Amino acid sequence: MLPALCAYRYVFAPLPRHRRAGHNSAGFPPGFFMNSNSNKTPGSVRIIGGAWRSRQVPVCAAPGLRPTPDRVRETLFNWLQFALPGARCLDLFAGTGILGLEALSRGAAQLTALEIDARAAATLRQQAQALGAANFTLVQDDARAWLGRETPAQPYDIVFLDPPYASSLLLPCCELLHTRPWLAPGARVYLEAAQPLDALPLPATWRLSRHKRAGEVFYGLCEVD
């Protein structure tokens, strides 16, 4: 993901109200982004911390795109602060890419981001170029199929997994991460869903070490034994 990605993820829940964070300054064509005064998504979001702190990331008008709330991101990266430096990260449903960009901004060594929507992927690619993110790889593909088909050159230390709430993809992706060589020893997996995470049948070697709720969003961090 790119340094200042949009704080928007594919979820189907009531959308929080946000102020306009900025205008398109990354060379994207007019009309490419939603109006921030709409009831859907603002025109841009900002990276909260690290080297790219306060950098604005455009939000494209892809269907179903919405922000991961700032307070959720802030809590998540407080949990990850000691694990991030030098980490290899994987964002399976990147959307605007804000989680991956936050990770790179805060010291992650490498990020692989998957995004199936062509428009969202194009936005993320251009934003990565604008940020000069040399340690960023974008894959335009279906996350579940990709996990089942590919084999990583090296396992990942941190995985961000927050598929569309209505997709039923969270548990199948957890199973593929668990049964195939995607995760390094002691890896962390961030989960986001529309239901309590402690009620889900997660893999036996995953320990839900942190979990909280913010409005309609249930989120948490698993540690892999």
Protein backbone atom coordinates (compact mmCIF):
# COMPACT_ATOMS: atom_id res chain seq x y z
CA MET A 1 0.00 0.00 0.00
CA LEU A 2 1.07 3.42 -0.45
CA PRO A 3 2.05 5.92 2.12
CA ALA A 4 -1.04 7.96 2.33
CA LEU A 5 -3.81 5.69 1.29
CA CYS A 6 -7.44 6.31 1.67
CA ALA A 7 -8.82 5.23 4.99
CA TYR A 8 -11.50 3.27 3.29
CA ARG A 9 -12.26 -0.35 3.45
CA TYR A 10 -14.88 -2.52 1.83
CA VAL A 11 -17.60 -2.86 4.45
CA PHE A 12 -21.32 -2.54 4.39
CA ALA A 13 -22.28 -0.64 7.52
CA PRO A 14 -23.50 2.87 8.34
CA LEU A 15 -20.94 5.44 7.24
CA PRO A 16 -19.44 7.83 9.78
CA ARG A 17 -19.47 11.57 9.14
CA HIS A 18 -16.12 13.08 8.19
CA ARG A 19 -14.91 16.58 7.41
CA ARG A 20 -13.30 17.22 4.06
CA ALA A 21 -9.63 16.42 4.62
CA GLY A 22 -8.29 17.97 1.44
CA HIS A 23 -8.50 18.24 -2.32
CA ASN A 24 -7.03 16.16 -5.13
CA SER A 25 -3.37 17.15 -5.38
CA ALA A 26 -1.89 13.97 -6.82
CA GLY A 27 -2.75 14.53 -10.48
CA PHE A 28 -5.93 12.46 -10.67
CA PRO A 29 -8.50 13.48 -13.31
CA PRO A 30 -11.45 15.72 -12.39
CA GLY A 31 -14.51 13.85 -11.20
CA PHE A 32 -12.46 10.79 -10.20
CA PHE A 33 -13.19 11.19 -6.50
CA MET A 34 -16.40 11.40 -4.53
CA ASN A 35 -17.42 14.73 -3.10
CA SER A 36 -16.50 14.81 0.58
CA ASN A 37 -19.80 16.44 1.38
CA SER A 38 -21.72 13.40 0.16
CA ASN A 39 -23.04 10.81 2.58
CA LYS A 40 -20.70 8.16 1.15
CA THR A 41 -16.99 8.97 1.36
CA PRO A 42 -14.84 12.08 1.68
CA GLY A 43 -12.49 13.16 -1.11
CA SER A 44 -9.36 12.20 0.79
CA VAL A 45 -8.07 10.81 4.07
CA ARG A 46 -4.83 11.29 5.92
CA ILE A 47 -2.12 9.07 7.28
CA ILE A 48 -2.11 9.43 11.06
CA GLY A 49 1.51 8.75 12.03
CA GLY A 50 5.07 8.05 10.97
CA ALA A 51 7.16 9.43 8.10
CA TRP A 52 4.07 10.28 6.01
CA ARG A 53 2.09 11.72 8.84
CA SER A 54 -0.68 14.11 7.68
CA ARG A 55 -0.19 13.21 4.01
CA GLN A 56 -3.52 13.16 2.18
CA VAL A 57 -4.66 10.13 0.19
CA PRO A 58 -7.43 10.42 -2.43
CA VAL A 59 -10.54 8.28 -2.14
CA CYS A 60 -11.90 6.99 -5.43
CA ALA A 61 -15.60 6.41 -6.09
CA ALA A 62 -15.48 2.61 -6.06
CA PRO A 63 -18.70 0.84 -4.97
CA GLY A 64 -18.83 -0.12 -1.29
CA LEU A 65 -15.70 1.81 -0.31
CA ARG A 66 -15.78 3.37 3.16
CA PRO A 67 -13.22 4.47 5.74
CA THR A 68 -11.71 2.49 8.54
CA PRO A 69 -12.35 5.01 11.35
CA ASP A 70 -9.34 7.01 12.53
CA ARG A 71 -9.79 5.85 16.12
CA VAL A 72 -9.71 2.20 15.01
CA ARG A 73 -6.50 2.77 13.06
CA GLU A 74 -4.92 4.62 15.95
CA THR A 75 -5.74 1.78 18.34
CA LEU A 76 -4.51 -0.87 15.90
CA PHE A 77 -1.16 0.80 15.32
CA ASN A 78 -0.68 1.31 19.04
CA TRP A 79 -1.06 -2.47 19.35
CA LEU A 80 1.45 -3.00 16.53
CA GLN A 81 4.01 -0.34 17.42
CA PHE A 82 6.72 -2.77 18.51
CA ALA A 83 6.04 -5.32 15.74
CA LEU A 84 6.07 -2.91 12.78
CA PRO A 85 9.74 -1.91 12.36
CA GLY A 86 11.18 -4.13 9.63
CA ALA A 87 7.98 -6.18 9.23
CA ARG A 88 6.73 -7.75 6.00
CA CYS A 89 3.04 -6.83 5.66
CA LEU A 90 0.17 -8.19 3.58
CA ASP A 91 -3.10 -6.29 3.05
CA LEU A 92 -5.61 -8.67 1.47
CA PHE A 93 -8.54 -6.29 0.84
CA ALA A 94 -6.70 -3.03 0.41
CA GLY A 95 -9.47 -0.70 -0.77
CA THR A 96 -7.90 2.73 -0.40
CA GLY A 97 -4.84 1.09 1.15
CA ILE A 98 -4.78 3.15 4.30
CA LEU A 99 -3.79 0.31 6.64
CA GLY A 100 -0.84 -0.72 4.50
CA LEU A 101 0.27 2.85 3.98
CA GLU A 102 0.11 3.52 7.71
CA ALA A 103 2.28 0.43 8.20
CA LEU A 104 4.89 1.66 5.71
CA SER A 105 4.79 5.14 7.19
CA ARG A 106 5.53 3.68 10.62
CA GLY A 107 8.50 1.55 9.62
CA ALA A 108 7.32 -1.65 7.92
CA ALA A 109 9.95 -2.99 5.53
CA GLN A 110 7.63 -4.23 2.78
CA LEU A 111 3.97 -4.22 1.83
CA THR A 112 2.01 -6.39 -0.58
CA ALA A 113 -1.51 -5.08 -1.22
CA LEU A 114 -4.33 -6.91 -2.98
CA GLU A 115 -7.23 -5.07 -4.55
CA ILE A 116 -9.66 -6.58 -7.05
CA ASP A 117 -11.41 -3.35 -8.12
CA ALA A 118 -9.61 -1.82 -11.11
CA ARG A 119 -10.37 1.79 -10.21
CA ALA A 120 -9.33 1.45 -6.58
CA ALA A 121 -6.16 -0.39 -7.66
CA ALA A 122 -5.29 2.37 -10.13
CA THR A 123 -5.74 5.01 -7.43
CA LEU A 124 -3.52 3.11 -5.06
CA ARG A 125 -0.84 2.56 -7.70
CA GLN A 126 -0.70 6.28 -8.54
CA GLN A 127 -0.62 7.22 -4.88
CA ALA A 128 2.27 4.87 -4.25
CA GLN A 129 4.19 6.46 -7.07
CA ALA A 130 3.43 9.93 -5.72
CA LEU A 131 4.75 8.88 -2.30
CA GLY A 132 7.83 7.21 -3.76
CA ALA A 133 7.06 3.92 -2.02
CA ALA A 134 9.76 1.60 -3.34
CA ASN A 135 8.83 -1.21 -0.93
CA PHE A 136 5.24 -1.53 -2.13
CA THR A 137 3.78 -4.24 -4.37
CA LEU A 138 0.23 -4.05 -5.73
CA VAL A 139 -1.61 -7.17 -6.96
CA GLN A 140 -4.95 -6.78 -8.71
CA ASP A 141 -6.57 -10.12 -7.95
CA ASP A 142 -9.17 -11.95 -5.90
CA ALA A 143 -7.68 -12.37 -2.42
CA ARG A 144 -9.16 -15.81 -1.68
CA ALA A 145 -8.08 -17.25 -5.04
CA TRP A 146 -4.63 -15.68 -4.71
CA LEU A 147 -4.06 -17.15 -1.23
CA GLY A 148 -4.98 -20.60 -2.52
CA ARG A 149 -2.90 -20.37 -5.69
CA GLU A 150 0.31 -18.50 -4.87
CA THR A 151 3.22 -19.31 -2.58
CA PRO A 152 5.14 -16.46 -0.92
CA ALA A 153 8.89 -16.15 -1.34
CA GLN A 154 8.94 -15.30 2.37
CA PRO A 155 6.14 -15.50 4.96
CA TYR A 156 4.53 -12.34 6.31
CA ASP A 157 4.84 -10.88 9.79
CA ILE A 158 1.63 -8.82 9.74
CA VAL A 159 -1.58 -9.41 7.77
CA PHE A 160 -4.52 -7.02 7.49
CA LEU A 161 -7.75 -8.94 6.83
CA ASP A 162 -11.00 -6.99 6.63
CA PRO A 163 -13.06 -8.25 3.67
CA PRO A 164 -16.48 -6.85 2.76
CA TYR A 165 -18.80 -7.60 5.65
CA ALA A 166 -21.39 -9.27 3.41
CA SER A 167 -18.86 -11.42 1.53
CA SER A 168 -18.39 -14.33 4.00
CA LEU A 169 -14.69 -14.28 3.07
CA LEU A 170 -13.11 -13.71 6.47
CA LEU A 171 -13.08 -17.31 7.73
CA PRO A 172 -12.06 -18.92 4.40
CA CYS A 173 -9.15 -16.48 4.17
CA CYS A 174 -8.18 -17.24 7.78
CA GLU A 175 -8.11 -20.94 6.93
CA LEU A 176 -5.89 -20.38 3.88
CA LEU A 177 -3.51 -18.23 5.90
CA HIS A 178 -3.41 -20.97 8.53
CA THR A 179 -2.93 -24.01 6.26
CA ARG A 180 -0.58 -22.52 3.65
CA PRO A 181 2.89 -20.97 4.22
CA TRP A 182 1.80 -17.35 4.47
CA LEU A 183 2.55 -16.57 8.12
CA ALA A 184 5.91 -16.23 9.85
CA PRO A 185 6.30 -17.61 13.38
CA GLY A 186 4.69 -15.17 15.80
CA ALA A 187 2.81 -13.36 13.02
CA ARG A 188 0.00 -10.95 13.79
CA VAL A 189 -3.30 -10.96 11.88
CA TYR A 190 -5.63 -7.97 12.11
CA LEU A 191 -9.32 -8.85 11.70
CA GLU A 192 -12.30 -6.58 11.12
CA ALA A 193 -15.90 -7.79 10.91
CA ALA A 194 -19.55 -6.96 11.55
CA GLN A 195 -19.81 -9.49 14.40
CA PRO A 196 -17.88 -10.17 17.61
CA LEU A 197 -14.52 -11.75 16.80
CA ASP A 198 -14.42 -13.84 19.98
CA ALA A 199 -17.48 -15.75 18.71
CA LEU A 200 -15.79 -16.82 15.45
CA PRO A 201 -14.21 -20.29 14.92
CA LEU A 202 -10.68 -19.04 14.28
CA PRO A 203 -7.75 -21.43 13.67
CA ALA A 204 -6.65 -23.29 16.78
CA THR A 205 -3.15 -21.77 16.80
CA TRP A 206 -4.46 -18.19 16.62
CA ARG A 207 -4.90 -16.31 19.89
CA LEU A 208 -7.18 -13.28 19.85
CA SER A 209 -4.98 -11.12 22.07
CA ARG A 210 -6.79 -7.80 21.57
CA HIS A 211 -10.30 -7.00 20.42
CA LYS A 212 -12.63 -4.02 20.64
CA ARG A 213 -15.76 -2.53 19.14
CA ALA A 214 -16.26 0.88 17.54
CA GLY A 215 -19.89 1.41 16.54
CA GLU A 216 -20.74 -1.27 13.98
CA VAL A 217 -17.10 -2.38 13.64
CA PHE A 218 -15.62 -5.30 15.58
CA TYR A 219 -11.86 -5.42 15.26
CA GLY A 220 -8.98 -7.24 16.85
CA LEU A 221 -5.48 -8.65 16.64
CA CYS A 222 -4.58 -12.33 16.59
CA GLU A 223 -1.15 -13.67 17.50
CA VAL A 224 -0.14 -16.87 15.71
CA ASP A 225 1.66 -19.52 17.73
